Amino acid sequence: MTKGLKKEFITVTFGSVTIRTEQPSPEVIRKNIIDGQRAFARAIEAFKTKGVKLNVSKGTALYQANPNNPALLIRNIDGKIDQGVFENGQFRVIQ
């Protein structure tokens, strides 16, 4: 750092986190914009695909909210469907 040259600082808050950092130079900002645009161009095809593909191993439970009763969850393990609730960290089936 050159003697006598004062750096500008900015404060950025996101949610409950606040940081104080050096103000980036216009050159750094331009480079980051170009890098971000290049990364987006590489990923654009993935963003066009609808939905999410999950690679689920055998025996892995998938949970979702029960659309007919929001107080219950639906559990799917290898195609076996149960509904229930979590109690003390364990899934309890409700008929």
PDB file of N, CA and C in Angstrom:
ATOM      1  N   MET A   1       0.849  -1.168   0.000  1.00  0.00           N
ATOM      2  CA  MET A   1       0.000   0.000   0.000  1.00  0.00           C
ATOM      3  C   MET A   1       0.896   1.233   0.000  1.00  0.00           C
ATOM      4  N   THR A   2       0.556   2.160  -0.851  1.00  0.00           N
ATOM      5  CA  THR A   2       1.323   3.391  -0.941  1.00  0.00           C
ATOM      6  C   THR A   2       1.070   4.238   0.298  1.00  0.00           C
ATOM      7  N   LYS A   3       2.145   4.821   0.823  1.00  0.00           N
ATOM      8  CA  LYS A   3       2.030   5.624   2.031  1.00  0.00           C
ATOM      9  C   LYS A   3       1.132   6.829   1.787  1.00  0.00           C
ATOM     10  N   GLY A   4       0.248   7.092   2.712  1.00  0.00           N
ATOM     11  CA  GLY A   4      -0.638   8.221   2.603  1.00  0.00           C
ATOM     12  C   GLY A   4      -1.906   7.935   1.805  1.00  0.00           C
ATOM     13  N   LEU A   5      -1.988   6.767   1.121  1.00  0.00           N
ATOM     14  CA  LEU A   5      -3.172   6.420   0.345  1.00  0.00           C
ATOM     15  C   LEU A   5      -4.177   5.739   1.264  1.00  0.00           C
ATOM     16  N   LYS A   6      -5.341   6.354   1.415  1.00  0.00           N
ATOM     17  CA  LYS A   6      -6.372   5.802   2.291  1.00  0.00           C
ATOM     18  C   LYS A   6      -7.277   4.898   1.481  1.00  0.00           C
ATOM     19  N   LYS A   7      -7.568   3.731   2.033  1.00  0.00           N
ATOM     20  CA  LYS A   7      -8.486   2.806   1.386  1.00  0.00           C
ATOM     21  C   LYS A   7      -9.898   3.125   1.831  1.00  0.00           C
ATOM     22  N   GLU A   8     -10.849   2.975   0.892  1.00  0.00           N
ATOM     23  CA  GLU A   8     -12.254   3.175   1.216  1.00  0.00           C
ATOM     24  C   GLU A   8     -12.837   1.862   1.690  1.00  0.00           C
ATOM     25  N   PHE A   9     -13.637   1.917   2.724  1.00  0.00           N
ATOM     26  CA  PHE A   9     -14.300   0.734   3.251  1.00  0.00           C
ATOM     27  C   PHE A   9     -15.802   0.890   3.106  1.00  0.00           C
ATOM     28  N   ILE A  10     -16.471  -0.252   2.952  1.00  0.00           N
ATOM     29  CA  ILE A  10     -17.927  -0.268   2.884  1.00  0.00           C
ATOM     30  C   ILE A  10     -18.438  -1.279   3.901  1.00  0.00           C
ATOM     31  N   THR A  11     -19.668  -1.089   4.315  1.00  0.00           N
ATOM     32  CA  THR A  11     -20.322  -2.017   5.227  1.00  0.00           C
ATOM     33  C   THR A  11     -21.445  -2.704   4.467  1.00  0.00           C
ATOM     34  N   VAL A  12     -21.464  -4.035   4.540  1.00  0.00           N
ATOM     35  CA  VAL A  12     -22.480  -4.828   3.852  1.00  0.00           C
ATOM     36  C   VAL A  12     -23.204  -5.674   4.892  1.00  0.00           C
ATOM     37  N   THR A  13     -24.538  -5.623   4.863  1.00  0.00           N
ATOM     38  CA  THR A  13     -25.345  -6.420   5.795  1.00  0.00           C
ATOM     39  C   THR A  13     -26.241  -7.343   4.995  1.00  0.00           C
ATOM     40  N   PHE A  14     -26.259  -8.613   5.388  1.00  0.00           N
ATOM     41  CA  PHE A  14     -27.152  -9.606   4.793  1.00  0.00           C
ATOM     42  C   PHE A  14     -27.745 -10.404   5.937  1.00  0.00           C
ATOM     43  N   GLY A  15     -29.044 -10.198   6.180  1.00  0.00           N
ATOM     44  CA  GLY A  15     -29.675 -10.858   7.326  1.00  0.00           C
ATOM     45  C   GLY A  15     -29.078 -10.323   8.608  1.00  0.00           C
ATOM     46  N   SER A  16     -28.592 -11.230   9.456  1.00  0.00           N
ATOM     47  CA  SER A  16     -28.019 -10.815  10.735  1.00  0.00           C
ATOM     48  C   SER A  16     -26.496 -10.691  10.683  1.00  0.00           C
ATOM     49  N   VAL A  17     -25.924 -10.817   9.478  1.00  0.00           N
ATOM     50  CA  VAL A  17     -24.469 -10.750   9.327  1.00  0.00           C
ATOM     51  C   VAL A  17     -24.087  -9.412   8.703  1.00  0.00           C
ATOM     52  N   THR A  18     -23.142  -8.741   9.329  1.00  0.00           N
ATOM     53  CA  THR A  18     -22.619  -7.471   8.812  1.00  0.00           C
ATOM     54  C   THR A  18     -21.112  -7.580   8.722  1.00  0.00           C
ATOM     55  N   ILE A  19     -20.582  -7.185   7.553  1.00  0.00           N
ATOM     56  CA  ILE A  19     -19.120  -7.169   7.404  1.00  0.00           C
ATOM     57  C   ILE A  19     -18.686  -5.791   6.929  1.00  0.00           C
ATOM     58  N   ARG A  20     -17.471  -5.446   7.258  1.00  0.00           N
ATOM     59  CA  ARG A  20     -16.863  -4.203   6.789  1.00  0.00           C
ATOM     60  C   ARG A  20     -15.660  -4.626   5.961  1.00  0.00           C
ATOM     61  N   THR A  21     -15.608  -4.156   4.733  1.00  0.00           N
ATOM     62  CA  THR A  21     -14.556  -4.605   3.826  1.00  0.00           C
ATOM     63  C   THR A  21     -14.088  -3.458   2.947  1.00  0.00           C
ATOM     64  N   GLU A  22     -12.986  -3.699   2.276  1.00  0.00           N
ATOM     65  CA  GLU A  22     -12.433  -2.725   1.356  1.00  0.00           C
ATOM     66  C   GLU A  22     -13.368  -2.556   0.161  1.00  0.00           C
ATOM     67  N   GLN A  23     -13.547  -1.339  -0.289  1.00  0.00           N
ATOM     68  CA  GLN A  23     -14.339  -1.074  -1.495  1.00  0.00           C
ATOM     69  C   GLN A  23     -13.573  -1.643  -2.694  1.00  0.00           C
ATOM     70  N   PRO A  24     -14.194  -2.540  -3.494  1.00  0.00           N
ATOM     71  CA  PRO A  24     -13.472  -3.070  -4.661  1.00  0.00           C
ATOM     72  C   PRO A  24     -13.288  -1.991  -5.722  1.00  0.00           C
ATOM     73  N   SER A  25     -12.200  -2.117  -6.453  1.00  0.00           N
ATOM     74  CA  SER A  25     -11.923  -1.141  -7.515  1.00  0.00           C
ATOM     75  C   SER A  25     -12.852  -1.398  -8.700  1.00  0.00           C
ATOM     76  N   PRO A  26     -13.052  -0.410  -9.558  1.00  0.00           N
ATOM     77  CA  PRO A  26     -13.878  -0.617 -10.757  1.00  0.00           C
ATOM     78  C   PRO A  26     -13.362  -1.773 -11.626  1.00  0.00           C
ATOM     79  N   GLU A  27     -12.039  -1.960 -11.676  1.00  0.00           N
ATOM     80  CA  GLU A  27     -11.460  -3.061 -12.463  1.00  0.00           C
ATOM     81  C   GLU A  27     -11.866  -4.411 -11.881  1.00  0.00           C
ATOM     82  N   VAL A  28     -11.835  -4.534 -10.567  1.00  0.00           N
ATOM     83  CA  VAL A  28     -12.227  -5.787  -9.907  1.00  0.00           C
ATOM     84  C   VAL A  28     -13.711  -6.052 -10.141  1.00  0.00           C
ATOM     85  N   ILE A  29     -14.527  -5.024 -10.053  1.00  0.00           N
ATOM     86  CA  ILE A  29     -15.966  -5.176 -10.291  1.00  0.00           C
ATOM     87  C   ILE A  29     -16.215  -5.656 -11.715  1.00  0.00           C
ATOM     88  N   ARG A  30     -15.562  -5.017 -12.704  1.00  0.00           N
ATOM     89  CA  ARG A  30     -15.728  -5.427 -14.110  1.00  0.00           C
ATOM     90  C   ARG A  30     -15.299  -6.867 -14.313  1.00  0.00           C
ATOM     91  N   LYS A  31     -14.152  -7.261 -13.730  1.00  0.00           N
ATOM     92  CA  LYS A  31     -13.657  -8.643 -13.871  1.00  0.00           C
ATOM     93  C   LYS A  31     -14.656  -9.627 -13.267  1.00  0.00           C
ATOM     94  N   ASN A  32     -15.202  -9.311 -12.096  1.00  0.00           N
ATOM     95  CA  ASN A  32     -16.174 -10.210 -11.446  1.00  0.00           C
ATOM     96  C   ASN A  32     -17.447 -10.338 -12.270  1.00  0.00           C
ATOM     97  N   ILE A  33     -17.891  -9.245 -12.899  1.00  0.00           N
ATOM     98  CA  ILE A  33     -19.079  -9.309 -13.752  1.00  0.00           C
ATOM     99  C   ILE A  33     -18.821 -10.231 -14.942  1.00  0.00           C
ATOM    100  N   ILE A  34     -17.672 -10.064 -15.589  1.00  0.00           N
ATOM    101  CA  ILE A  34     -17.322 -10.908 -16.740  1.00  0.00           C
ATOM    102  C   ILE A  34     -17.208 -12.369 -16.313  1.00  0.00           C
ATOM    103  N   ASP A  35     -16.543 -12.638 -15.184  1.00  0.00           N
ATOM    104  CA  ASP A  35     -16.410 -14.018 -14.688  1.00  0.00           C
ATOM    105  C   ASP A  35     -17.773 -14.626 -14.392  1.00  0.00           C
ATOM    106  N   GLY A  36     -18.680 -13.834 -13.784  1.00  0.00           N
ATOM    107  CA  GLY A  36     -20.024 -14.321 -13.474  1.00  0.00           C
ATOM    108  C   GLY A  36     -20.819 -14.623 -14.733  1.00  0.00           C
ATOM    109  N   GLN A  37     -20.704 -13.760 -15.744  1.00  0.00           N
ATOM    110  CA  GLN A  37     -21.404 -13.997 -17.010  1.00  0.00           C
ATOM    111  C   GLN A  37     -20.889 -15.250 -17.700  1.00  0.00           C
ATOM    112  N   ARG A  38     -19.592 -15.481 -17.650  1.00  0.00           N
ATOM    113  CA  ARG A  38     -19.021 -16.701 -18.253  1.00  0.00           C
ATOM    114  C   ARG A  38     -19.497 -17.953 -17.514  1.00  0.00           C
ATOM    115  N   ALA A  39     -19.540 -17.894 -16.187  1.00  0.00           N
ATOM    116  CA  ALA A  39     -20.012 -19.040 -15.400  1.00  0.00           C
ATOM    117  C   ALA A  39     -21.482 -19.319 -15.701  1.00  0.00           C
ATOM    118  N   PHE A  40     -22.281 -18.260 -15.809  1.00  0.00           N
ATOM    119  CA  PHE A  40     -23.699 -18.437 -16.118  1.00  0.00           C
ATOM    120  C   PHE A  40     -23.873 -19.054 -17.502  1.00  0.00           C
ATOM    121  N   ALA A  41     -23.085 -18.619 -18.472  1.00  0.00           N
ATOM    122  CA  ALA A  41     -23.167 -19.177 -19.830  1.00  0.00           C
ATOM    123  C   ALA A  41     -22.867 -20.666 -19.823  1.00  0.00           C
ATOM    124  N   ARG A  42     -21.925 -21.102 -18.982  1.00  0.00           N
ATOM    125  CA  ARG A  42     -21.602 -22.540 -18.881  1.00  0.00           C
ATOM    126  C   ARG A  42     -22.740 -23.322 -18.240  1.00  0.00           C
ATOM    127  N   ALA A  43     -23.499 -22.691 -17.346  1.00  0.00           N
ATOM    128  CA  ALA A  43     -24.531 -23.399 -16.577  1.00  0.00           C
ATOM    129  C   ALA A  43     -25.939 -23.233 -17.132  1.00  0.00           C
ATOM    130  N   ILE A  44     -26.130 -22.427 -18.175  1.00  0.00           N
ATOM    131  CA  ILE A  44     -27.469 -22.062 -18.628  1.00  0.00           C
ATOM    132  C   ILE A  44     -28.329 -23.282 -18.966  1.00  0.00           C
ATOM    133  N   GLU A  45     -27.775 -24.303 -19.571  1.00  0.00           N
ATOM    134  CA  GLU A  45     -28.573 -25.481 -19.944  1.00  0.00           C
ATOM    135  C   GLU A  45     -29.139 -26.174 -18.709  1.00  0.00           C
ATOM    136  N   ALA A  46     -28.371 -26.230 -17.631  1.00  0.00           N
ATOM    137  CA  ALA A  46     -28.855 -26.866 -16.401  1.00  0.00           C
ATOM    138  C   ALA A  46     -30.026 -26.084 -15.815  1.00  0.00           C
ATOM    139  N   PHE A  47     -30.010 -24.769 -15.964  1.00  0.00           N
ATOM    140  CA  PHE A  47     -31.102 -23.952 -15.433  1.00  0.00           C
ATOM    141  C   PHE A  47     -32.382 -24.108 -16.243  1.00  0.00           C
ATOM    142  N   LYS A  48     -32.277 -24.528 -17.489  1.00  0.00           N
ATOM    143  CA  LYS A  48     -33.450 -24.684 -18.347  1.00  0.00           C
ATOM    144  C   LYS A  48     -34.234 -25.956 -18.036  1.00  0.00           C
ATOM    145  N   THR A  49     -33.612 -26.920 -17.364  1.00  0.00           N
ATOM    146  CA  THR A  49     -34.254 -28.195 -17.071  1.00  0.00           C
ATOM    147  C   THR A  49     -35.174 -28.041 -15.873  1.00  0.00           C
ATOM    148  N   LYS A  50     -36.444 -28.480 -16.037  1.00  0.00           N
ATOM    149  CA  LYS A  50     -37.413 -28.382 -14.950  1.00  0.00           C
ATOM    150  C   LYS A  50     -37.153 -29.458 -13.907  1.00  0.00           C
ATOM    151  N   GLY A  51     -37.485 -29.142 -12.675  1.00  0.00           N
ATOM    152  CA  GLY A  51     -37.446 -30.120 -11.599  1.00  0.00           C
ATOM    153  C   GLY A  51     -36.055 -30.375 -11.060  1.00  0.00           C
ATOM    154  N   VAL A  52     -36.025 -31.306 -10.140  1.00  0.00           N
ATOM    155  CA  VAL A  52     -34.788 -31.694  -9.478  1.00  0.00           C
ATOM    156  C   VAL A  52     -34.659 -33.197  -9.587  1.00  0.00           C
ATOM    157  N   LYS A  53     -33.484 -33.676  -9.934  1.00  0.00           N
ATOM    158  CA  LYS A  53     -33.252 -35.116 -10.010  1.00  0.00           C
ATOM    159  C   LYS A  53     -32.457 -35.528  -8.774  1.00  0.00           C
ATOM    160  N   LEU A  54     -33.032 -36.430  -7.995  1.00  0.00           N
ATOM    161  CA  LEU A  54     -32.352 -36.930  -6.812  1.00  0.00           C
ATOM    162  C   LEU A  54     -31.843 -38.338  -7.086  1.00  0.00           C
ATOM    163  N   ASN A  55     -30.582 -38.564  -6.819  1.00  0.00           N
ATOM    164  CA  ASN A  55     -30.025 -39.909  -6.901  1.00  0.00           C
ATOM    165  C   ASN A  55     -30.113 -40.491  -5.497  1.00  0.00           C
ATOM    166  N   VAL A  56     -31.144 -41.318  -5.282  1.00  0.00           N
ATOM    167  CA  VAL A  56     -31.442 -41.826  -3.950  1.00  0.00           C
ATOM    168  C   VAL A  56     -30.979 -43.282  -3.848  1.00  0.00           C
ATOM    169  N   SER A  57     -30.192 -43.559  -2.833  1.00  0.00           N
ATOM    170  CA  SER A  57     -29.733 -44.928  -2.591  1.00  0.00           C
ATOM    171  C   SER A  57     -30.853 -45.764  -1.994  1.00  0.00           C
ATOM    172  N   LYS A  58     -30.793 -47.073  -2.226  1.00  0.00           N
ATOM    173  CA  LYS A  58     -31.773 -47.997  -1.662  1.00  0.00           C
ATOM    174  C   LYS A  58     -31.775 -47.846  -0.141  1.00  0.00           C
ATOM    175  N   GLY A  59     -32.986 -47.786   0.431  1.00  0.00           N
ATOM    176  CA  GLY A  59     -33.120 -47.668   1.877  1.00  0.00           C
ATOM    177  C   GLY A  59     -33.145 -46.235   2.389  1.00  0.00           C
ATOM    178  N   THR A  60     -33.016 -45.265   1.496  1.00  0.00           N
ATOM    179  CA  THR A  60     -33.044 -43.865   1.903  1.00  0.00           C
ATOM    180  C   THR A  60     -34.484 -43.366   1.945  1.00  0.00           C
ATOM    181  N   ALA A  61     -34.863 -42.770   3.056  1.00  0.00           N
ATOM    182  CA  ALA A  61     -36.225 -42.249   3.212  1.00  0.00           C
ATOM    183  C   ALA A  61     -36.328 -40.856   2.610  1.00  0.00           C
ATOM    184  N   LEU A  62     -37.422 -40.636   1.884  1.00  0.00           N
ATOM    185  CA  LEU A  62     -37.753 -39.310   1.369  1.00  0.00           C
ATOM    186  C   LEU A  62     -39.032 -38.864   2.051  1.00  0.00           C
ATOM    187  N   TYR A  63     -39.056 -37.631   2.520  1.00  0.00           N
ATOM    188  CA  TYR A  63     -40.215 -37.099   3.238  1.00  0.00           C
ATOM    189  C   TYR A  63     -40.797 -35.929   2.470  1.00  0.00           C
ATOM    190  N   GLN A  64     -42.109 -35.792   2.550  1.00  0.00           N
ATOM    191  CA  GLN A  64     -42.784 -34.627   1.981  1.00  0.00           C
ATOM    192  C   GLN A  64     -44.006 -34.317   2.818  1.00  0.00           C
ATOM    193  N   ALA A  65     -44.465 -33.085   2.716  1.00  0.00           N
ATOM    194  CA  ALA A  65     -45.679 -32.701   3.436  1.00  0.00           C
ATOM    195  C   ALA A  65     -46.866 -33.420   2.816  1.00  0.00           C
ATOM    196  N   ASN A  66     -47.807 -33.826   3.649  1.00  0.00           N
ATOM    197  CA  ASN A  66     -49.038 -34.446   3.164  1.00  0.00           C
ATOM    198  C   ASN A  66     -49.944 -33.315   2.670  1.00  0.00           C
ATOM    199  N   PRO A  67     -50.253 -33.281   1.354  1.00  0.00           N
ATOM    200  CA  PRO A  67     -51.058 -32.174   0.840  1.00  0.00           C
ATOM    201  C   PRO A  67     -52.488 -32.169   1.376  1.00  0.00           C
ATOM    202  N   ASN A  68     -52.971 -33.311   1.870  1.00  0.00           N
ATOM    203  CA  ASN A  68     -54.332 -33.393   2.401  1.00  0.00           C
ATOM    204  C   ASN A  68     -54.405 -33.113   3.896  1.00  0.00           C
ATOM    205  N   ASN A  69     -53.259 -33.187   4.582  1.00  0.00           N
ATOM    206  CA  ASN A  69     -53.227 -32.943   6.022  1.00  0.00           C
ATOM    207  C   ASN A  69     -51.840 -32.412   6.388  1.00  0.00           C
ATOM    208  N   PRO A  70     -51.678 -31.096   6.480  1.00  0.00           N
ATOM    209  CA  PRO A  70     -50.360 -30.522   6.742  1.00  0.00           C
ATOM    210  C   PRO A  70     -49.752 -30.913   8.083  1.00  0.00           C
ATOM    211  N   ALA A  71     -50.535 -31.534   8.968  1.00  0.00           N
ATOM    212  CA  ALA A  71     -49.989 -31.977  10.250  1.00  0.00           C
ATOM    213  C   ALA A  71     -49.211 -33.283  10.096  1.00  0.00           C
ATOM    214  N   LEU A  72     -49.330 -33.952   8.935  1.00  0.00           N
ATOM    215  CA  LEU A  72     -48.676 -35.235   8.710  1.00  0.00           C
ATOM    216  C   LEU A  72     -47.630 -35.140   7.610  1.00  0.00           C
ATOM    217  N   LEU A  73     -46.655 -36.033   7.684  1.00  0.00           N
ATOM    218  CA  LEU A  73     -45.650 -36.177   6.641  1.00  0.00           C
ATOM    219  C   LEU A  73     -45.895 -37.479   5.897  1.00  0.00           C
ATOM    220  N   ILE A  74     -45.437 -37.538   4.664  1.00  0.00           N
ATOM    221  CA  ILE A  74     -45.455 -38.772   3.897  1.00  0.00           C
ATOM    222  C   ILE A  74     -44.011 -39.224   3.769  1.00  0.00           C
ATOM    223  N   ARG A  75     -43.764 -40.500   4.087  1.00  0.00           N
ATOM    224  CA  ARG A  75     -42.418 -41.083   3.989  1.00  0.00           C
ATOM    225  C   ARG A  75     -42.436 -42.136   2.893  1.00  0.00           C
ATOM    226  N   ASN A  76     -41.446 -42.096   2.016  1.00  0.00           N
ATOM    227  CA  ASN A  76     -41.299 -43.078   0.952  1.00  0.00           C
ATOM    228  C   ASN A  76     -39.928 -43.723   1.092  1.00  0.00           C
ATOM    229  N   ILE A  77     -39.926 -45.036   1.371  1.00  0.00           N
ATOM    230  CA  ILE A  77     -38.682 -45.800   1.421  1.00  0.00           C
ATOM    231  C   ILE A  77     -38.817 -46.933   0.408  1.00  0.00           C
ATOM    232  N   ASP A  78     -38.063 -46.841  -0.673  1.00  0.00           N
ATOM    233  CA  ASP A  78     -38.062 -47.869  -1.710  1.00  0.00           C
ATOM    234  C   ASP A  78     -39.471 -48.189  -2.201  1.00  0.00           C
ATOM    235  N   GLY A  79     -40.328 -47.180  -2.323  1.00  0.00           N
ATOM    236  CA  GLY A  79     -41.682 -47.368  -2.829  1.00  0.00           C
ATOM    237  C   GLY A  79     -42.721 -47.689  -1.767  1.00  0.00           C
ATOM    238  N   LYS A  80     -42.298 -47.948  -0.536  1.00  0.00           N
ATOM    239  CA  LYS A  80     -43.236 -48.195   0.565  1.00  0.00           C
ATOM    240  C   LYS A  80     -43.609 -46.833   1.156  1.00  0.00           C
ATOM    241  N   ILE A  81     -44.900 -46.510   1.087  1.00  0.00           N
ATOM    242  CA  ILE A  81     -45.400 -45.199   1.508  1.00  0.00           C
ATOM    243  C   ILE A  81     -46.089 -45.307   2.861  1.00  0.00           C
ATOM    244  N   ASP A  82     -45.679 -44.454   3.793  1.00  0.00           N
ATOM    245  CA  ASP A  82     -46.326 -44.354   5.107  1.00  0.00           C
ATOM    246  C   ASP A  82     -46.579 -42.882   5.383  1.00  0.00           C
ATOM    247  N   GLN A  83     -47.543 -42.607   6.258  1.00  0.00           N
ATOM    248  CA  GLN A  83     -47.728 -41.237   6.728  1.00  0.00           C
ATOM    249  C   GLN A  83     -47.557 -41.237   8.233  1.00  0.00           C
ATOM    250  N   GLY A  84     -47.073 -40.121   8.745  1.00  0.00           N
ATOM    251  CA  GLY A  84     -46.862 -40.051  10.180  1.00  0.00           C
ATOM    252  C   GLY A  84     -46.290 -38.723  10.608  1.00  0.00           C
ATOM    253  N   VAL A  85     -45.664 -38.747  11.777  1.00  0.00           N
ATOM    254  CA  VAL A  85     -45.084 -37.542  12.376  1.00  0.00           C
ATOM    255  C   VAL A  85     -43.741 -37.897  12.993  1.00  0.00           C
ATOM    256  N   PHE A  86     -42.928 -36.883  13.246  1.00  0.00           N
ATOM    257  CA  PHE A  86     -41.690 -37.088  13.985  1.00  0.00           C
ATOM    258  C   PHE A  86     -41.957 -36.810  15.454  1.00  0.00           C
ATOM    259  N   GLU A  87     -41.566 -37.749  16.295  1.00  0.00           N
ATOM    260  CA  GLU A  87     -41.648 -37.595  17.743  1.00  0.00           C
ATOM    261  C   GLU A  87     -40.311 -37.994  18.330  1.00  0.00           C
ATOM    262  N   ASN A  88     -39.722 -37.106  19.105  1.00  0.00           N
ATOM    263  CA  ASN A  88     -38.403 -37.355  19.730  1.00  0.00           C
ATOM    264  C   ASN A  88     -37.382 -37.798  18.703  1.00  0.00           C
ATOM    265  N   GLY A  89     -37.421 -37.198  17.526  1.00  0.00           N
ATOM    266  CA  GLY A  89     -36.439 -37.499  16.498  1.00  0.00           C
ATOM    267  C   GLY A  89     -36.689 -38.776  15.715  1.00  0.00           C
ATOM    268  N   GLN A  90     -37.800 -39.444  15.971  1.00  0.00           N
ATOM    269  CA  GLN A  90     -38.115 -40.708  15.284  1.00  0.00           C
ATOM    270  C   GLN A  90     -39.436 -40.541  14.515  1.00  0.00           C
ATOM    271  N   PHE A  91     -39.506 -41.166  13.345  1.00  0.00           N
ATOM    272  CA  PHE A  91     -40.738 -41.124  12.565  1.00  0.00           C
ATOM    273  C   PHE A  91     -41.708 -42.158  13.121  1.00  0.00           C
ATOM    274  N   ARG A  92     -42.910 -41.719  13.464  1.00  0.00           N
ATOM    275  CA  ARG A  92     -43.948 -42.601  13.970  1.00  0.00           C
ATOM    276  C   ARG A  92     -45.061 -42.684  12.944  1.00  0.00           C
ATOM    277  N   VAL A  93     -45.333 -43.902  12.460  1.00  0.00           N
ATOM    278  CA  VAL A  93     -46.354 -44.127  11.464  1.00  0.00           C
ATOM    279  C   VAL A  93     -47.728 -43.951  12.078  1.00  0.00           C
ATOM    280  N   ILE A  94     -48.600 -43.257  11.345  1.00  0.00           N
ATOM    281  CA  ILE A  94     -49.995 -43.085  11.762  1.00  0.00           C
ATOM    282  C   ILE A  94     -50.855 -43.644  10.634  1.00  0.00           C
ATOM    283  N   GLN A  95     -51.755 -44.547  11.005  1.00  0.00           N
ATOM    284  CA  GLN A  95     -52.624 -45.176   9.996  1.00  0.00           C
ATOM    285  C   GLN A  95     -53.769 -44.288   9.638  1.00  0.00           C
TER     286      GLN A  95
END
